[in-house]
């Protein structure tokens, strides 16, 4: 059986991958596909470091943002469902879990 510390390290790696690496891969893939379809000259503006306001370019990043937001909302729904279904004998532990759930809900509201 794994120790709690080992399990936390393993889960940290999984969450880091989900939180940092997957969005990076998705953003790079979106940029590469857009550059291949539109060309690099049609991707960036000439005078400033900004994307052109081409609907194809903007829709690629909006789609990516919406999909990441949807994944986040689904994850929070699943976590909250697990918190509600958890049968905890220790009231103090249950209150701590509820506090974490409230914090996550506040962060989601800010986002």
PDB file of N, CA and C in Angstrom:
ATOM      1  N   UNK A   1       0.839  -1.181   0.000  1.00  0.00           N
ATOM      2  CA  UNK A   1       0.000   0.000   0.000  1.00  0.00           C
ATOM      3  C   UNK A   1       0.887   1.248   0.000  1.00  0.00           C
ATOM      4  N   UNK A   2       0.510   2.231  -0.791  1.00  0.00           N
ATOM      5  CA  UNK A   2       1.313   3.441  -0.902  1.00  0.00           C
ATOM      6  C   UNK A   2       1.119   4.325   0.315  1.00  0.00           C
ATOM      7  N   UNK A   3       2.197   4.991   0.667  1.00  0.00           N
ATOM      8  CA  UNK A   3       2.077   5.942   1.767  1.00  0.00           C
ATOM      9  C   UNK A   3       1.369   7.196   1.267  1.00  0.00           C
ATOM     10  N   UNK A   4       0.884   7.968   2.205  1.00  0.00           N
ATOM     11  CA  UNK A   4       0.177   9.198   1.847  1.00  0.00           C
ATOM     12  C   UNK A   4       1.100  10.159   1.119  1.00  0.00           C
ATOM     13  N   UNK A   5       2.342  10.228   1.557  1.00  0.00           N
ATOM     14  CA  UNK A   5       3.308  11.135   0.932  1.00  0.00           C
ATOM     15  C   UNK A   5       3.578  10.739  -0.521  1.00  0.00           C
ATOM     16  N   UNK A   6       3.753   9.439  -0.761  1.00  0.00           N
ATOM     17  CA  UNK A   6       3.993   8.958  -2.119  1.00  0.00           C
ATOM     18  C   UNK A   6       2.785   9.226  -3.006  1.00  0.00           C
ATOM     19  N   UNK A   7       1.616   8.998  -2.459  1.00  0.00           N
ATOM     20  CA  UNK A   7       0.387   9.243  -3.214  1.00  0.00           C
ATOM     21  C   UNK A   7       0.234  10.724  -3.545  1.00  0.00           C
ATOM     22  N   UNK A   8       0.563  11.600  -2.595  1.00  0.00           N
ATOM     23  CA  UNK A   8       0.473  13.041  -2.845  1.00  0.00           C
ATOM     24  C   UNK A   8       1.436  13.464  -3.945  1.00  0.00           C
ATOM     25  N   UNK A   9       2.661  12.911  -3.931  1.00  0.00           N
ATOM     26  CA  UNK A   9       3.630  13.245  -4.975  1.00  0.00           C
ATOM     27  C   UNK A   9       3.133  12.791  -6.344  1.00  0.00           C
ATOM     28  N   UNK A  10       2.573  11.590  -6.378  1.00  0.00           N
ATOM     29  CA  UNK A  10       2.056  11.059  -7.636  1.00  0.00           C
ATOM     30  C   UNK A  10       0.901  11.916  -8.147  1.00  0.00           C
ATOM     31  N   UNK A  11      -0.008  12.278  -7.268  1.00  0.00           N
ATOM     32  CA  UNK A  11      -1.148  13.091  -7.671  1.00  0.00           C
ATOM     33  C   UNK A  11      -0.704  14.497  -8.079  1.00  0.00           C
ATOM     34  N   UNK A  12       0.332  15.032  -7.423  1.00  0.00           N
ATOM     35  CA  UNK A  12       0.856  16.343  -7.798  1.00  0.00           C
ATOM     36  C   UNK A  12       1.362  16.310  -9.239  1.00  0.00           C
ATOM     37  N   UNK A  13       2.039  15.232  -9.602  1.00  0.00           N
ATOM     38  CA  UNK A  13       2.531  15.112 -10.975  1.00  0.00           C
ATOM     39  C   UNK A  13       1.374  15.047 -11.965  1.00  0.00           C
ATOM     40  N   UNK A  14       0.344  14.294 -11.618  1.00  0.00           N
ATOM     41  CA  UNK A  14      -0.824  14.183 -12.500  1.00  0.00           C
ATOM     42  C   UNK A  14      -1.505  15.541 -12.647  1.00  0.00           C
ATOM     43  N   UNK A  15      -1.719  16.224 -11.528  1.00  0.00           N
ATOM     44  CA  UNK A  15      -2.389  17.526 -11.572  1.00  0.00           C
ATOM     45  C   UNK A  15      -1.541  18.569 -12.293  1.00  0.00           C
ATOM     46  N   UNK A  16      -0.232  18.513 -12.121  1.00  0.00           N
ATOM     47  CA  UNK A  16       0.645  19.446 -12.829  1.00  0.00           C
ATOM     48  C   UNK A  16       0.556  19.221 -14.331  1.00  0.00           C
ATOM     49  N   UNK A  17       0.521  17.971 -14.725  1.00  0.00           N
ATOM     50  CA  UNK A  17       0.391  17.654 -16.147  1.00  0.00           C
ATOM     51  C   UNK A  17      -0.926  18.188 -16.697  1.00  0.00           C
ATOM     52  N   UNK A  18      -1.992  17.945 -15.970  1.00  0.00           N
ATOM     53  CA  UNK A  18      -3.311  18.413 -16.416  1.00  0.00           C
ATOM     54  C   UNK A  18      -3.375  19.935 -16.424  1.00  0.00           C
ATOM     55  N   UNK A  19      -2.797  20.565 -15.412  1.00  0.00           N
ATOM     56  CA  UNK A  19      -2.925  22.007 -15.263  1.00  0.00           C
ATOM     57  C   UNK A  19      -1.968  22.834 -16.099  1.00  0.00           C
ATOM     58  N   UNK A  20      -0.788  22.290 -16.407  1.00  0.00           N
ATOM     59  CA  UNK A  20       0.212  23.081 -17.115  1.00  0.00           C
ATOM     60  C   UNK A  20       0.570  22.518 -18.484  1.00  0.00           C
ATOM     61  N   UNK A  21       0.826  21.228 -18.557  1.00  0.00           N
ATOM     62  CA  UNK A  21       1.336  20.661 -19.800  1.00  0.00           C
ATOM     63  C   UNK A  21       0.238  20.534 -20.854  1.00  0.00           C
ATOM     64  N   UNK A  22      -0.928  20.039 -20.483  1.00  0.00           N
ATOM     65  CA  UNK A  22      -2.005  19.907 -21.469  1.00  0.00           C
ATOM     66  C   UNK A  22      -2.436  21.246 -22.069  1.00  0.00           C
ATOM     67  N   UNK A  23      -2.639  22.301 -21.265  1.00  0.00           N
ATOM     68  CA  UNK A  23      -2.969  23.590 -21.890  1.00  0.00           C
ATOM     69  C   UNK A  23      -1.849  24.124 -22.788  1.00  0.00           C
ATOM     70  N   UNK A  24      -0.595  23.892 -22.393  1.00  0.00           N
ATOM     71  CA  UNK A  24       0.524  24.334 -23.220  1.00  0.00           C
ATOM     72  C   UNK A  24       0.517  23.606 -24.560  1.00  0.00           C
ATOM     73  N   UNK A  25       0.333  22.299 -24.524  1.00  0.00           N
ATOM     74  CA  UNK A  25       0.279  21.513 -25.759  1.00  0.00           C
ATOM     75  C   UNK A  25      -0.891  21.968 -26.632  1.00  0.00           C
ATOM     76  N   UNK A  26      -2.033  22.200 -26.020  1.00  0.00           N
ATOM     77  CA  UNK A  26      -3.203  22.635 -26.783  1.00  0.00           C
ATOM     78  C   UNK A  26      -2.977  24.010 -27.412  1.00  0.00           C
ATOM     79  N   UNK A  27      -2.378  24.931 -26.672  1.00  0.00           N
ATOM     80  CA  UNK A  27      -2.126  26.275 -27.207  1.00  0.00           C
ATOM     81  C   UNK A  27      -1.113  26.234 -28.352  1.00  0.00           C
ATOM     82  N   UNK A  28      -0.055  25.457 -28.182  1.00  0.00           N
ATOM     83  CA  UNK A  28       0.952  25.339 -29.240  1.00  0.00           C
ATOM     84  C   UNK A  28       0.335  24.675 -30.474  1.00  0.00           C
ATOM     85  N   UNK A  29      -0.456  23.638 -30.276  1.00  0.00           N
ATOM     86  CA  UNK A  29      -1.103  22.965 -31.407  1.00  0.00           C
ATOM     87  C   UNK A  29      -2.037  23.916 -32.149  1.00  0.00           C
ATOM     88  N   UNK A  30      -2.790  24.713 -31.408  1.00  0.00           N
ATOM     89  CA  UNK A  30      -3.683  25.686 -32.033  1.00  0.00           C
ATOM     90  C   UNK A  30      -2.889  26.704 -32.842  1.00  0.00           C
ATOM     91  N   UNK A  31      -1.791  27.190 -32.276  1.00  0.00           N
ATOM     92  CA  UNK A  31      -0.959  28.162 -32.983  1.00  0.00           C
ATOM     93  C   UNK A  31      -0.349  27.546 -34.239  1.00  0.00           C
ATOM     94  N   UNK A  32       0.151  26.324 -34.139  1.00  0.00           N
ATOM     95  CA  UNK A  32       0.774  25.669 -35.293  1.00  0.00           C
ATOM     96  C   UNK A  32      -0.249  25.442 -36.404  1.00  0.00           C
ATOM     97  N   UNK A  33      -1.418  24.940 -36.063  1.00  0.00           N
ATOM     98  CA  UNK A  33      -2.454  24.699 -37.078  1.00  0.00           C
ATOM     99  C   UNK A  33      -2.863  26.012 -37.733  1.00  0.00           C
ATOM    100  N   UNK A  34      -3.016  27.049 -36.941  1.00  0.00           N
ATOM    101  CA  UNK A  34      -3.412  28.345 -37.492  1.00  0.00           C
ATOM    102  C   UNK A  34      -2.325  28.904 -38.402  1.00  0.00           C
ATOM    103  N   UNK A  35      -1.064  28.780 -37.999  1.00  0.00           N
ATOM    104  CA  UNK A  35       0.037  29.276 -38.830  1.00  0.00           C
ATOM    105  C   UNK A  35       0.122  28.482 -40.127  1.00  0.00           C
ATOM    106  N   UNK A  36      -0.084  27.173 -40.061  1.00  0.00           N
ATOM    107  CA  UNK A  36      -0.039  26.350 -41.271  1.00  0.00           C
ATOM    108  C   UNK A  36      -1.170  26.742 -42.222  1.00  0.00           C
ATOM    109  N   UNK A  37      -2.366  26.971 -41.693  1.00  0.00           N
ATOM    110  CA  UNK A  37      -3.503  27.334 -42.543  1.00  0.00           C
ATOM    111  C   UNK A  37      -3.424  28.765 -43.058  1.00  0.00           C
ATOM    112  N   UNK A  38      -2.980  29.696 -42.213  1.00  0.00           N
ATOM    113  CA  UNK A  38      -3.012  31.119 -42.551  1.00  0.00           C
ATOM    114  C   UNK A  38      -1.651  31.670 -42.975  1.00  0.00           C
ATOM    115  N   UNK A  39      -0.578  31.054 -42.525  1.00  0.00           N
ATOM    116  CA  UNK A  39       0.751  31.583 -42.775  1.00  0.00           C
ATOM    117  C   UNK A  39       1.190  32.485 -41.635  1.00  0.00           C
ATOM    118  N   UNK A  40       2.487  32.555 -41.409  1.00  0.00           N
ATOM    119  CA  UNK A  40       3.019  33.338 -40.286  1.00  0.00           C
ATOM    120  C   UNK A  40       2.773  34.831 -40.482  1.00  0.00           C
ATOM    121  N   UNK A  41       2.774  35.301 -41.728  1.00  0.00           N
ATOM    122  CA  UNK A  41       2.559  36.732 -41.967  1.00  0.00           C
ATOM    123  C   UNK A  41       1.129  37.153 -41.646  1.00  0.00           C
ATOM    124  N   UNK A  42       0.202  36.229 -41.754  1.00  0.00           N
ATOM    125  CA  UNK A  42      -1.192  36.529 -41.431  1.00  0.00           C
ATOM    126  C   UNK A  42      -1.543  36.194 -39.986  1.00  0.00           C
ATOM    127  N   UNK A  43      -0.569  35.720 -39.233  1.00  0.00           N
ATOM    128  CA  UNK A  43      -0.823  35.312 -37.843  1.00  0.00           C
ATOM    129  C   UNK A  43      -0.586  36.461 -36.868  1.00  0.00           C
ATOM    130  N   UNK A  44       0.514  37.180 -37.044  1.00  0.00           N
ATOM    131  CA  UNK A  44       0.870  38.285 -36.147  1.00  0.00           C
ATOM    132  C   UNK A  44       0.710  39.619 -36.865  1.00  0.00           C
ATOM    133  N   UNK A  45       0.495  40.669 -36.087  1.00  0.00           N
ATOM    134  CA  UNK A  45       0.439  42.008 -36.671  1.00  0.00           C
ATOM    135  C   UNK A  45       1.854  42.503 -36.924  1.00  0.00           C
ATOM    136  N   UNK A  46       1.964  43.541 -37.725  1.00  0.00           N
ATOM    137  CA  UNK A  46       3.282  44.021 -38.125  1.00  0.00           C
ATOM    138  C   UNK A  46       3.970  44.866 -37.056  1.00  0.00           C
ATOM    139  N   UNK A  47       3.242  45.777 -36.427  1.00  0.00           N
ATOM    140  CA  UNK A  47       3.875  46.756 -35.547  1.00  0.00           C
ATOM    141  C   UNK A  47       3.881  46.376 -34.074  1.00  0.00           C
ATOM    142  N   UNK A  48       2.988  45.512 -33.669  1.00  0.00           N
ATOM    143  CA  UNK A  48       2.909  45.142 -32.255  1.00  0.00           C
ATOM    144  C   UNK A  48       2.884  43.625 -32.122  1.00  0.00           C
ATOM    145  N   UNK A  49       3.233  43.157 -30.944  1.00  0.00           N
ATOM    146  CA  UNK A  49       3.227  41.719 -30.670  1.00  0.00           C
ATOM    147  C   UNK A  49       1.811  41.305 -30.273  1.00  0.00           C
ATOM    148  N   UNK A  50       0.981  41.100 -31.269  1.00  0.00           N
ATOM    149  CA  UNK A  50      -0.424  40.780 -31.025  1.00  0.00           C
ATOM    150  C   UNK A  50      -0.939  39.953 -32.191  1.00  0.00           C
ATOM    151  N   UNK A  51      -1.943  39.137 -31.927  1.00  0.00           N
ATOM    152  CA  UNK A  51      -2.537  38.340 -32.997  1.00  0.00           C
ATOM    153  C   UNK A  51      -3.409  39.215 -33.885  1.00  0.00           C
ATOM    154  N   UNK A  52      -3.472  38.849 -35.148  1.00  0.00           N
ATOM    155  CA  UNK A  52      -4.400  39.544 -36.043  1.00  0.00           C
ATOM    156  C   UNK A  52      -5.825  39.200 -35.641  1.00  0.00           C
ATOM    157  N   UNK A  53      -6.739  40.058 -35.985  1.00  0.00           N
ATOM    158  CA  UNK A  53      -8.134  39.839 -35.601  1.00  0.00           C
ATOM    159  C   UNK A  53      -8.889  39.054 -36.670  1.00  0.00           C
ATOM    160  N   UNK A  54      -8.244  38.058 -37.208  1.00  0.00           N
ATOM    161  CA  UNK A  54      -8.865  37.170 -38.180  1.00  0.00           C
ATOM    162  C   UNK A  54      -9.798  36.211 -37.441  1.00  0.00           C
ATOM    163  N   UNK A  55     -11.013  35.995 -37.932  1.00  0.00           N
ATOM    164  CA  UNK A  55     -11.961  35.115 -37.222  1.00  0.00           C
ATOM    165  C   UNK A  55     -11.435  33.699 -36.992  1.00  0.00           C
ATOM    166  N   UNK A  56     -10.669  33.151 -37.919  1.00  0.00           N
ATOM    167  CA  UNK A  56     -10.126  31.806 -37.749  1.00  0.00           C
ATOM    168  C   UNK A  56      -9.141  31.758 -36.582  1.00  0.00           C
ATOM    169  N   UNK A  57      -8.295  32.748 -36.487  1.00  0.00           N
ATOM    170  CA  UNK A  57      -7.307  32.795 -35.409  1.00  0.00           C
ATOM    171  C   UNK A  57      -7.998  32.985 -34.063  1.00  0.00           C
ATOM    172  N   UNK A  58      -8.896  33.934 -33.991  1.00  0.00           N
ATOM    173  CA  UNK A  58      -9.595  34.218 -32.736  1.00  0.00           C
ATOM    174  C   UNK A  58     -10.454  33.025 -32.311  1.00  0.00           C
ATOM    175  N   UNK A  59     -11.156  32.400 -33.254  1.00  0.00           N
ATOM    176  CA  UNK A  59     -12.009  31.258 -32.895  1.00  0.00           C
ATOM    177  C   UNK A  59     -11.192  30.080 -32.394  1.00  0.00           C
ATOM    178  N   UNK A  60      -9.975  29.918 -32.881  1.00  0.00           N
ATOM    179  CA  UNK A  60      -9.109  28.853 -32.379  1.00  0.00           C
ATOM    180  C   UNK A  60      -8.799  29.032 -30.905  1.00  0.00           C
ATOM    181  N   UNK A  61      -8.473  30.231 -30.510  1.00  0.00           N
ATOM    182  CA  UNK A  61      -8.152  30.485 -29.107  1.00  0.00           C
ATOM    183  C   UNK A  61      -9.403  30.542 -28.230  1.00  0.00           C
ATOM    184  N   UNK A  62     -10.506  31.017 -28.775  1.00  0.00           N
ATOM    185  CA  UNK A  62     -11.754  31.004 -27.997  1.00  0.00           C
ATOM    186  C   UNK A  62     -12.209  29.566 -27.761  1.00  0.00           C
ATOM    187  N   UNK A  63     -12.113  28.733 -28.777  1.00  0.00           N
ATOM    188  CA  UNK A  63     -12.471  27.320 -28.623  1.00  0.00           C
ATOM    189  C   UNK A  63     -11.603  26.628 -27.590  1.00  0.00           C
ATOM    190  N   UNK A  64     -10.318  26.920 -27.614  1.00  0.00           N
ATOM    191  CA  UNK A  64      -9.395  26.348 -26.635  1.00  0.00           C
ATOM    192  C   UNK A  64      -9.750  26.804 -25.224  1.00  0.00           C
ATOM    193  N   UNK A  65     -10.027  28.078 -25.067  1.00  0.00           N
ATOM    194  CA  UNK A  65     -10.379  28.616 -23.750  1.00  0.00           C
ATOM    195  C   UNK A  65     -11.686  28.021 -23.241  1.00  0.00           C
ATOM    196  N   UNK A  66     -12.677  27.920 -24.099  1.00  0.00           N
ATOM    197  CA  UNK A  66     -13.954  27.336 -23.686  1.00  0.00           C
ATOM    198  C   UNK A  66     -13.811  25.863 -23.314  1.00  0.00           C
ATOM    199  N   UNK A  67     -12.994  25.130 -24.063  1.00  0.00           N
ATOM    200  CA  UNK A  67     -12.819  23.713 -23.733  1.00  0.00           C
ATOM    201  C   UNK A  67     -12.099  23.542 -22.400  1.00  0.00           C
ATOM    202  N   UNK A  68     -11.092  24.363 -22.114  1.00  0.00           N
ATOM    203  CA  UNK A  68     -10.395  24.292 -20.822  1.00  0.00           C
ATOM    204  C   UNK A  68     -11.338  24.674 -19.678  1.00  0.00           C
ATOM    205  N   UNK A  69     -12.183  25.666 -19.908  1.00  0.00           N
ATOM    206  CA  UNK A  69     -13.152  26.059 -18.880  1.00  0.00           C
ATOM    207  C   UNK A  69     -14.154  24.942 -18.628  1.00  0.00           C
ATOM    208  N   UNK A  70     -14.608  24.298 -19.680  1.00  0.00           N
ATOM    209  CA  UNK A  70     -15.543  23.184 -19.534  1.00  0.00           C
ATOM    210  C   UNK A  70     -14.911  22.026 -18.762  1.00  0.00           C
ATOM    211  N   UNK A  71     -13.665  21.712 -19.062  1.00  0.00           N
ATOM    212  CA  UNK A  71     -12.959  20.650 -18.336  1.00  0.00           C
ATOM    213  C   UNK A  71     -12.834  21.009 -16.861  1.00  0.00           C
ATOM    214  N   UNK A  72     -12.532  22.264 -16.562  1.00  0.00           N
ATOM    215  CA  UNK A  72     -12.414  22.703 -15.173  1.00  0.00           C
ATOM    216  C   UNK A  72     -13.745  22.584 -14.441  1.00  0.00           C
ATOM    217  N   UNK A  73     -14.822  22.996 -15.080  1.00  0.00           N
ATOM    218  CA  UNK A  73     -16.141  22.911 -14.449  1.00  0.00           C
ATOM    219  C   UNK A  73     -16.525  21.455 -14.195  1.00  0.00           C
ATOM    220  N   UNK A  74     -16.252  20.580 -15.153  1.00  0.00           N
ATOM    221  CA  UNK A  74     -16.544  19.156 -14.962  1.00  0.00           C
ATOM    222  C   UNK A  74     -15.739  18.597 -13.799  1.00  0.00           C
ATOM    223  N   UNK A  75     -14.456  18.968 -13.708  1.00  0.00           N
ATOM    224  CA  UNK A  75     -13.620  18.482 -12.603  1.00  0.00           C
ATOM    225  C   UNK A  75     -14.159  18.956 -11.261  1.00  0.00           C
ATOM    226  N   UNK A  76     -14.585  20.198 -11.185  1.00  0.00           N
ATOM    227  CA  UNK A  76     -15.108  20.719  -9.916  1.00  0.00           C
ATOM    228  C   UNK A  76     -16.428  20.039  -9.566  1.00  0.00           C
ATOM    229  N   UNK A  77     -17.257  19.761 -10.549  1.00  0.00           N
ATOM    230  CA  UNK A  77     -18.508  19.046 -10.279  1.00  0.00           C
ATOM    231  C   UNK A  77     -18.216  17.649  -9.740  1.00  0.00           C
ATOM    232  N   UNK A  78     -17.258  16.956 -10.345  1.00  0.00           N
ATOM    233  CA  UNK A  78     -16.914  15.612  -9.875  1.00  0.00           C
ATOM    234  C   UNK A  78     -16.341  15.635  -8.465  1.00  0.00           C
ATOM    235  N   UNK A  79     -15.483  16.614  -8.186  1.00  0.00           N
ATOM    236  CA  UNK A  79     -14.903  16.721  -6.842  1.00  0.00           C
ATOM    237  C   UNK A  79     -15.983  17.026  -5.821  1.00  0.00           C
ATOM    238  N   UNK A  80     -16.878  17.941  -6.140  1.00  0.00           N
ATOM    239  CA  UNK A  80     -17.939  18.279  -5.189  1.00  0.00           C
ATOM    240  C   UNK A  80     -18.877  17.096  -4.972  1.00  0.00           C
ATOM    241  N   UNK A  81     -19.106  16.313  -6.012  1.00  0.00           N
ATOM    242  CA  UNK A  81     -19.932  15.114  -5.876  1.00  0.00           C
ATOM    243  C   UNK A  81     -19.261  14.109  -4.933  1.00  0.00           C
ATOM    244  N   UNK A  82     -17.946  13.964  -5.065  1.00  0.00           N
ATOM    245  CA  UNK A  82     -17.212  13.057  -4.177  1.00  0.00           C
ATOM    246  C   UNK A  82     -17.243  13.548  -2.738  1.00  0.00           C
ATOM    247  N   UNK A  83     -17.149  14.850  -2.534  1.00  0.00           N
ATOM    248  CA  UNK A  83     -17.212  15.391  -1.172  1.00  0.00           C
ATOM    249  C   UNK A  83     -18.569  15.109  -0.542  1.00  0.00           C
ATOM    250  N   UNK A  84     -19.620  15.263  -1.321  1.00  0.00           N
ATOM    251  CA  UNK A  84     -20.957  15.020  -0.780  1.00  0.00           C
ATOM    252  C   UNK A  84     -21.196  13.553  -0.474  1.00  0.00           C
ATOM    253  N   UNK A  85     -20.643  12.681  -1.302  1.00  0.00           N
ATOM    254  CA  UNK A  85     -20.872  11.254  -1.126  1.00  0.00           C
ATOM    255  C   UNK A  85     -19.932  10.610  -0.109  1.00  0.00           C
ATOM    256  N   UNK A  86     -18.891  11.321   0.271  1.00  0.00           N
ATOM    257  CA  UNK A  86     -17.916  10.742   1.201  1.00  0.00           C
ATOM    258  C   UNK A  86     -18.550  10.543   2.568  1.00  0.00           C
ATOM    259  N   UNK A  87     -18.336   9.385   3.120  1.00  0.00           N
ATOM    260  CA  UNK A  87     -18.839   9.085   4.463  1.00  0.00           C
ATOM    261  C   UNK A  87     -17.656   9.209   5.414  1.00  0.00           C
ATOM    262  N   UNK A  88     -17.599  10.310   6.098  1.00  0.00           N
ATOM    263  CA  UNK A  88     -16.486  10.570   7.001  1.00  0.00           C
ATOM    264  C   UNK A  88     -16.951  10.423   8.441  1.00  0.00           C
ATOM    265  N   UNK A  89     -16.216   9.608   9.219  1.00  0.00           N
ATOM    266  CA  UNK A  89     -16.564   9.457  10.628  1.00  0.00           C
ATOM    267  C   UNK A  89     -16.046  10.623  11.457  1.00  0.00           C
ATOM    268  N   UNK A  90     -15.014  11.238  10.995  1.00  0.00           N
ATOM    269  CA  UNK A  90     -14.384  12.305  11.758  1.00  0.00           C
ATOM    270  C   UNK A  90     -14.957  13.653  11.319  1.00  0.00           C
ATOM    271  N   UNK A  91     -15.681  14.311  12.198  1.00  0.00           N
ATOM    272  CA  UNK A  91     -16.340  15.577  11.878  1.00  0.00           C
ATOM    273  C   UNK A  91     -15.320  16.659  11.537  1.00  0.00           C
ATOM    274  N   UNK A  92     -14.194  16.664  12.222  1.00  0.00           N
ATOM    275  CA  UNK A  92     -13.169  17.681  11.971  1.00  0.00           C
ATOM    276  C   UNK A  92     -12.620  17.541  10.554  1.00  0.00           C
ATOM    277  N   UNK A  93     -12.392  16.309  10.131  1.00  0.00           N
ATOM    278  CA  UNK A  93     -11.902  16.069   8.776  1.00  0.00           C
ATOM    279  C   UNK A  93     -12.946  16.518   7.757  1.00  0.00           C
ATOM    280  N   UNK A  94     -14.187  16.247   8.029  1.00  0.00           N
ATOM    281  CA  UNK A  94     -15.281  16.635   7.137  1.00  0.00           C
ATOM    282  C   UNK A  94     -15.360  18.158   7.005  1.00  0.00           C
ATOM    283  N   UNK A  95     -15.166  18.875   8.119  1.00  0.00           N
ATOM    284  CA  UNK A  95     -15.195  20.336   8.082  1.00  0.00           C
ATOM    285  C   UNK A  95     -14.015  20.873   7.277  1.00  0.00           C
ATOM    286  N   UNK A  96     -12.862  20.230   7.390  1.00  0.00           N
ATOM    287  CA  UNK A  96     -11.695  20.657   6.618  1.00  0.00           C
ATOM    288  C   UNK A  96     -11.946  20.455   5.124  1.00  0.00           C
ATOM    289  N   UNK A  97     -12.547  19.330   4.764  1.00  0.00           N
ATOM    290  CA  UNK A  97     -12.879  19.077   3.366  1.00  0.00           C
ATOM    291  C   UNK A  97     -13.870  20.118   2.845  1.00  0.00           C
ATOM    292  N   UNK A  98     -14.842  20.464   3.660  1.00  0.00           N
ATOM    293  CA  UNK A  98     -15.820  21.469   3.260  1.00  0.00           C
ATOM    294  C   UNK A  98     -15.150  22.828   3.068  1.00  0.00           C
ATOM    295  N   UNK A  99     -14.182  23.142   3.916  1.00  0.00           N
ATOM    296  CA  UNK A  99     -13.442  24.395   3.792  1.00  0.00           C
ATOM    297  C   UNK A  99     -12.675  24.435   2.474  1.00  0.00           C
ATOM    298  N   UNK A 100     -12.068  23.320   2.109  1.00  0.00           N
ATOM    299  CA  UNK A 100     -11.350  23.243   0.834  1.00  0.00           C
ATOM    300  C   UNK A 100     -12.327  23.418  -0.326  1.00  0.00           C
ATOM    301  N   UNK A 101     -13.474  22.779  -0.237  1.00  0.00           N
ATOM    302  CA  UNK A 101     -14.495  22.890  -1.276  1.00  0.00           C
ATOM    303  C   UNK A 101     -14.947  24.339  -1.442  1.00  0.00           C
ATOM    304  N   UNK A 102     -15.136  25.042  -0.324  1.00  0.00           N
ATOM    305  CA  UNK A 102     -15.528  26.452  -0.390  1.00  0.00           C
ATOM    306  C   UNK A 102     -14.443  27.280  -1.063  1.00  0.00           C
ATOM    307  N   UNK A 103     -13.181  26.991  -0.741  1.00  0.00           N
ATOM    308  CA  UNK A 103     -12.074  27.733  -1.345  1.00  0.00           C
ATOM    309  C   UNK A 103     -12.028  27.514  -2.851  1.00  0.00           C
ATOM    310  N   UNK A 104     -12.201  26.273  -3.282  1.00  0.00           N
ATOM    311  CA  UNK A 104     -12.199  25.971  -4.711  1.00  0.00           C
ATOM    312  C   UNK A 104     -13.362  26.675  -5.401  1.00  0.00           C
ATOM    313  N   UNK A 105     -14.513  26.703  -4.760  1.00  0.00           N
ATOM    314  CA  UNK A 105     -15.677  27.386  -5.335  1.00  0.00           C
ATOM    315  C   UNK A 105     -15.424  28.880  -5.484  1.00  0.00           C
ATOM    316  N   UNK A 106     -14.765  29.472  -4.509  1.00  0.00           N
ATOM    317  CA  UNK A 106     -14.442  30.907  -4.596  1.00  0.00           C
ATOM    318  C   UNK A 106     -13.479  31.181  -5.740  1.00  0.00           C
ATOM    319  N   UNK A 107     -12.471  30.309  -5.901  1.00  0.00           N
ATOM    320  CA  UNK A 107     -11.515  30.492  -6.988  1.00  0.00           C
ATOM    321  C   UNK A 107     -12.226  30.374  -8.334  1.00  0.00           C
ATOM    322  N   UNK A 108     -13.127  29.420  -8.451  1.00  0.00           N
ATOM    323  CA  UNK A 108     -13.874  29.268  -9.693  1.00  0.00           C
ATOM    324  C   UNK A 108     -14.724  30.499  -9.975  1.00  0.00           C
ATOM    325  N   UNK A 109     -15.313  31.068  -8.938  1.00  0.00           N
ATOM    326  CA  UNK A 109     -16.126  32.269  -9.118  1.00  0.00           C
ATOM    327  C   UNK A 109     -15.277  33.434  -9.613  1.00  0.00           C
ATOM    328  N   UNK A 110     -14.040  33.526  -9.137  1.00  0.00           N
ATOM    329  CA  UNK A 110     -13.137  34.592  -9.580  1.00  0.00           C
ATOM    330  C   UNK A 110     -12.757  34.387 -11.036  1.00  0.00           C
ATOM    331  N   UNK A 111     -12.524  33.137 -11.432  1.00  0.00           N
ATOM    332  CA  UNK A 111     -12.144  32.852 -12.816  1.00  0.00           C
ATOM    333  C   UNK A 111     -13.308  33.125 -13.733  1.00  0.00           C
TER     334      UNK A 111
END
